[in-house]
Amino acid sequence: MLTLQSDLHGNHLLGALPTHEWQAIACDLELVQLRAGQLLCDSGKRIHHVYFPTTAVITLLHTMEDGGCVEVAAVGREGMTGVPILTGGDTMPTRVQVQGAGSAYRMSASALRNHFGRSDLLRRITLLYMQALLTQIAQTAACNRHHTLSKQLCRWLLIQSDRTGSNEMRVTQQIIADMLGVRREGVTEAAGKLHDAGLIHNSRGCIKVLDRGALEASSCECYGIVKREFDRMLPRARQAEEFA
């Protein structure tokens, strides 16, 4: 059981709740450790738990009949999984899989439904998150269709950095290629150019952002659109009173 509101601040949605709200949900939250590659819910399957990441990054993957997949959104400390629960659904249209190992708060789907129906504030915050998430999904689809792999890679790295709060990511080029739905050789070439330009340090299984400003300048407009929408729609803990 959680005893301090500060325990929740690793996740922006939970951290935005005022004292009386987080006290009401704390007994239904369990801090869990997630491992990279862990499947949390498969496409078309019933949602049993929702996750509020603190340090983990969870990816939403659209899978095809031939087994191919592509990332449609990433969920980190800014959000939660299982948004169909908020609209009356009980199954996931995408695969929910851990992309970056770390911690998250887990809540049963039934408990979220109960709290969602009881709390106007929780309902407002989570619905705003859902709107921002839909923006990310739509912009990702447009980016994958219209922008170069180099720009897609910049966008992906920036979003990952935002989701974890760190400039260093433990990730392989093969994983990035799988997330973007492209060949690994293309990611290797694009990452090599960013490395040579001093924007990132690229080593085996690890990428570190060295010049964030230059990386943003090298990205397409999609990153800025998604970031502005999340900043506009979602509260931080210090803004909780404005939502109460």
Protein backbone atom coordinates (compact mmCIF):
# COMPACT_ATOMS: atom_id res chain seq x y z
CA MET A 1 0.00 0.00 0.00
CA LEU A 2 1.18 3.53 -0.75
CA THR A 3 1.57 5.88 2.19
CA LEU A 4 2.96 9.04 0.63
CA GLN A 5 1.62 11.02 -2.31
CA SER A 6 5.21 11.62 -3.39
CA ASP A 7 5.37 7.88 -4.13
CA LEU A 8 3.02 8.53 -7.04
CA HIS A 9 4.89 11.41 -8.63
CA GLY A 10 6.88 9.11 -10.85
CA ASN A 11 3.73 8.90 -12.94
CA HIS A 12 2.26 12.22 -14.05
CA LEU A 13 -1.38 11.13 -14.00
CA LEU A 14 -1.20 9.74 -10.48
CA GLY A 15 0.99 12.58 -9.28
CA ALA A 16 -1.57 15.14 -10.47
CA LEU A 17 -4.21 13.87 -8.05
CA PRO A 18 -4.79 15.88 -4.84
CA THR A 19 -4.50 14.20 -1.45
CA HIS A 20 -8.09 13.02 -1.05
CA GLU A 21 -8.04 11.47 -4.52
CA TRP A 22 -4.80 9.53 -4.25
CA GLN A 23 -5.78 8.27 -0.80
CA ALA A 24 -8.91 6.79 -2.36
CA ILE A 25 -6.99 4.84 -5.02
CA ALA A 26 -3.75 3.99 -3.19
CA CYS A 27 -5.06 0.70 -1.78
CA ASP A 28 -5.71 -0.56 -5.33
CA LEU A 29 -2.23 0.26 -6.67
CA GLU A 30 0.63 -2.22 -6.65
CA LEU A 31 4.18 -1.30 -7.60
CA VAL A 32 5.56 -3.94 -9.99
CA GLN A 33 8.77 -4.43 -11.91
CA LEU A 34 8.41 -5.01 -15.65
CA ARG A 35 11.01 -6.71 -17.83
CA ALA A 36 11.82 -5.81 -21.42
CA GLY A 37 9.76 -7.84 -23.87
CA GLN A 38 7.12 -8.76 -21.29
CA LEU A 39 3.65 -9.14 -22.84
CA LEU A 40 1.05 -7.36 -20.70
CA CYS A 41 -1.98 -7.86 -22.94
CA ASP A 42 -2.29 -9.30 -26.44
CA SER A 43 -4.36 -7.80 -29.23
CA GLY A 44 -8.04 -8.69 -28.91
CA LYS A 45 -7.63 -10.05 -25.39
CA ARG A 46 -9.52 -8.96 -22.29
CA ILE A 47 -7.86 -6.24 -20.20
CA HIS A 48 -7.30 -7.53 -16.68
CA HIS A 49 -4.90 -4.83 -15.44
CA VAL A 50 -3.89 -1.30 -16.34
CA TYR A 51 -0.39 0.06 -15.78
CA PHE A 52 0.84 3.52 -14.80
CA PRO A 53 4.59 3.48 -15.66
CA THR A 54 7.12 5.36 -13.57
CA THR A 55 10.42 4.26 -15.15
CA ALA A 56 9.25 1.55 -17.59
CA VAL A 57 8.27 2.26 -21.19
CA ILE A 58 5.38 0.26 -22.63
CA THR A 59 4.72 0.05 -26.35
CA LEU A 60 1.42 -0.39 -28.16
CA LEU A 61 1.98 -2.59 -31.21
CA HIS A 62 -0.29 -3.16 -34.18
CA THR A 63 0.21 -6.66 -35.53
CA MET A 64 -0.49 -7.93 -39.03
CA GLU A 65 -1.62 -11.35 -40.24
CA ASP A 66 1.89 -12.19 -41.44
CA GLY A 67 3.29 -11.59 -37.95
CA GLY A 68 4.77 -8.17 -38.70
CA CYS A 69 4.20 -5.38 -36.22
CA VAL A 70 4.74 -1.66 -35.84
CA GLU A 71 4.61 0.64 -32.84
CA VAL A 72 1.64 3.02 -32.84
CA ALA A 73 2.37 4.69 -29.48
CA ALA A 74 4.69 4.60 -26.49
CA VAL A 75 3.47 4.91 -22.90
CA GLY A 76 5.77 6.08 -20.14
CA ARG A 77 5.61 8.15 -16.98
CA GLU A 78 3.15 10.57 -18.63
CA GLY A 79 0.33 8.07 -18.94
CA MET A 80 -1.28 4.67 -18.58
CA THR A 81 -2.26 1.56 -20.51
CA GLY A 82 -5.74 0.10 -20.94
CA VAL A 83 -7.57 3.22 -22.14
CA PRO A 84 -10.46 1.17 -23.66
CA ILE A 85 -11.57 0.64 -20.06
CA LEU A 86 -12.35 4.37 -19.92
CA THR A 87 -14.80 4.16 -22.81
CA GLY A 88 -16.62 1.02 -21.76
CA GLY A 89 -14.51 -1.50 -23.65
CA ASP A 90 -12.78 -4.50 -22.16
CA THR A 91 -10.34 -5.64 -24.87
CA MET A 92 -7.19 -4.13 -26.39
CA PRO A 93 -7.02 -3.37 -30.12
CA THR A 94 -3.21 -3.51 -29.94
CA ARG A 95 -0.57 -5.64 -28.29
CA VAL A 96 0.70 -4.12 -25.03
CA GLN A 97 4.34 -5.00 -24.47
CA VAL A 98 7.17 -3.68 -22.32
CA GLN A 99 9.77 -1.94 -24.46
CA GLY A 100 12.00 -0.63 -21.67
CA ALA A 101 12.35 -2.42 -18.34
CA GLY A 102 11.40 -0.54 -15.18
CA SER A 103 8.67 -0.02 -12.63
CA ALA A 104 4.97 0.74 -12.92
CA TYR A 105 1.90 0.88 -10.74
CA ARG A 106 -0.63 -1.82 -11.57
CA MET A 107 -4.37 -1.63 -10.94
CA SER A 108 -7.08 -4.11 -11.81
CA ALA A 109 -9.42 -3.10 -14.62
CA SER A 110 -12.41 -3.46 -12.29
CA ALA A 111 -10.85 -1.10 -9.72
CA LEU A 112 -10.15 1.50 -12.42
CA ARG A 113 -13.77 1.31 -13.57
CA ASN A 114 -14.95 1.90 -10.00
CA HIS A 115 -12.65 4.87 -9.41
CA PHE A 116 -13.39 6.28 -12.88
CA GLY A 117 -17.11 6.27 -12.13
CA ARG A 118 -16.65 7.77 -8.66
CA SER A 119 -14.13 10.55 -9.29
CA ASP A 120 -14.86 13.47 -11.60
CA LEU A 121 -11.23 14.57 -11.38
CA LEU A 122 -9.75 11.17 -12.24
CA ARG A 123 -12.21 10.90 -15.10
CA ARG A 124 -11.23 14.31 -16.45
CA ILE A 125 -7.48 13.67 -16.23
CA THR A 126 -7.61 10.23 -17.82
CA LEU A 127 -9.89 11.37 -20.66
CA LEU A 128 -7.50 14.24 -21.40
CA TYR A 129 -4.71 11.70 -21.53
CA MET A 130 -6.71 9.57 -23.94
CA GLN A 131 -7.13 12.56 -26.26
CA ALA A 132 -3.37 13.24 -26.20
CA LEU A 133 -2.66 9.54 -26.81
CA LEU A 134 -4.93 9.54 -29.88
CA THR A 135 -2.93 12.49 -31.20
CA GLN A 136 0.28 10.48 -30.79
CA ILE A 137 -1.21 7.47 -32.61
CA ALA A 138 -2.47 9.58 -35.52
CA GLN A 139 0.79 11.52 -35.84
CA THR A 140 2.85 8.32 -35.73
CA ALA A 141 0.85 6.91 -38.64
CA ALA A 142 1.37 10.09 -40.67
CA CYS A 143 5.08 10.21 -39.81
CA ASN A 144 5.70 6.60 -40.82
CA ARG A 145 4.08 7.25 -44.19
CA HIS A 146 5.51 10.66 -45.14
CA HIS A 147 8.86 11.24 -43.42
CA THR A 148 12.34 9.88 -43.91
CA LEU A 149 13.72 7.17 -41.66
CA SER A 150 16.25 9.64 -40.24
CA LYS A 151 13.47 11.97 -39.10
CA GLN A 152 11.43 9.06 -37.76
CA LEU A 153 14.42 7.91 -35.72
CA CYS A 154 14.90 11.39 -34.25
CA ARG A 155 11.22 11.51 -33.30
CA TRP A 156 11.36 8.05 -31.74
CA LEU A 157 14.45 8.84 -29.67
CA LEU A 158 12.98 12.11 -28.40
CA ILE A 159 9.71 10.48 -27.38
CA GLN A 160 11.56 7.67 -25.62
CA SER A 161 13.63 10.24 -23.74
CA ASP A 162 10.47 12.06 -22.68
CA ARG A 163 8.79 8.87 -21.54
CA THR A 164 11.70 7.81 -19.34
CA GLY A 165 13.00 11.21 -18.25
CA SER A 166 16.49 10.13 -19.30
CA ASN A 167 18.80 10.92 -22.22
CA GLU A 168 20.21 7.38 -22.14
CA MET A 169 18.24 4.47 -23.57
CA ARG A 170 19.04 0.76 -23.33
CA VAL A 171 17.81 -0.33 -26.73
CA THR A 172 19.16 -2.20 -29.73
CA GLN A 173 18.92 -1.08 -33.33
CA GLN A 174 16.90 -4.20 -34.07
CA ILE A 175 14.28 -3.19 -31.51
CA ILE A 176 14.09 0.30 -33.02
CA ALA A 177 13.70 -1.22 -36.48
CA ASP A 178 10.89 -3.45 -35.19
CA MET A 179 9.13 -0.48 -33.59
CA LEU A 180 9.35 1.60 -36.76
CA GLY A 181 8.53 -1.30 -39.06
CA VAL A 182 11.73 -0.90 -41.11
CA ARG A 183 14.92 -2.85 -41.85
CA ARG A 184 17.68 -2.81 -39.24
CA GLU A 185 20.23 -1.72 -41.83
CA GLY A 186 18.31 1.50 -42.37
CA VAL A 187 18.32 2.25 -38.63
CA THR A 188 22.04 1.48 -38.47
CA GLU A 189 22.77 3.96 -41.24
CA ALA A 190 20.55 6.70 -39.79
CA ALA A 191 21.91 6.23 -36.26
CA GLY A 192 25.47 6.29 -37.60
CA LYS A 193 24.91 9.67 -39.22
CA LEU A 194 23.46 11.09 -35.99
CA HIS A 195 26.44 9.68 -34.09
CA ASP A 196 28.94 11.19 -36.52
CA ALA A 197 27.19 14.57 -36.27
CA GLY A 198 27.53 14.52 -32.47
CA LEU A 199 23.78 14.38 -31.76
CA ILE A 200 23.88 10.96 -30.10
CA HIS A 201 26.40 8.45 -28.81
CA ASN A 202 25.59 5.10 -30.32
CA SER A 203 27.09 1.97 -28.76
CA ARG A 204 26.02 -1.65 -28.62
CA GLY A 205 22.64 -1.85 -26.88
CA CYS A 206 22.70 1.78 -25.75
CA ILE A 207 21.95 5.18 -27.27
CA LYS A 208 22.62 8.43 -25.42
CA VAL A 209 21.28 11.79 -26.57
CA LEU A 210 24.14 14.31 -26.51
CA ASP A 211 22.58 17.36 -28.18
CA ARG A 212 18.82 17.40 -27.63
CA GLY A 213 18.30 20.75 -29.33
CA ALA A 214 20.01 19.57 -32.49
CA LEU A 215 18.09 16.29 -32.36
CA GLU A 216 14.80 18.20 -32.17
CA ALA A 217 15.90 20.39 -35.09
CA SER A 218 16.67 17.24 -37.11
CA SER A 219 13.32 15.67 -36.33
CA CYS A 220 10.13 16.26 -38.29
CA GLU A 221 7.23 18.36 -37.02
CA CYS A 222 5.54 15.23 -35.63
CA TYR A 223 7.54 15.24 -32.40
CA GLY A 224 6.68 18.86 -31.66
CA ILE A 225 2.99 18.31 -32.39
CA VAL A 226 2.77 15.35 -30.02
CA LYS A 227 4.80 17.05 -27.28
CA ARG A 228 2.71 20.22 -27.41
CA GLU A 229 -0.49 18.20 -27.18
CA PHE A 230 0.70 16.29 -24.13
CA ASP A 231 1.95 19.49 -22.48
CA ARG A 232 -1.32 21.26 -23.26
CA MET A 233 -3.68 18.51 -22.19
CA LEU A 234 -2.05 16.90 -19.19
CA PRO A 235 -1.48 18.29 -15.71
CA ARG A 236 1.55 17.91 -13.53
CA ALA A 237 1.48 17.41 -9.80
CA ARG A 238 2.00 21.11 -9.15
CA GLN A 239 -1.12 21.87 -11.19
CA ALA A 240 -3.44 19.54 -9.30
CA GLU A 241 -5.31 22.29 -7.51
CA GLU A 242 -6.37 23.73 -10.86
CA PHE A 243 -8.16 20.46 -11.61
CA ALA A 244 -9.71 19.99 -8.17
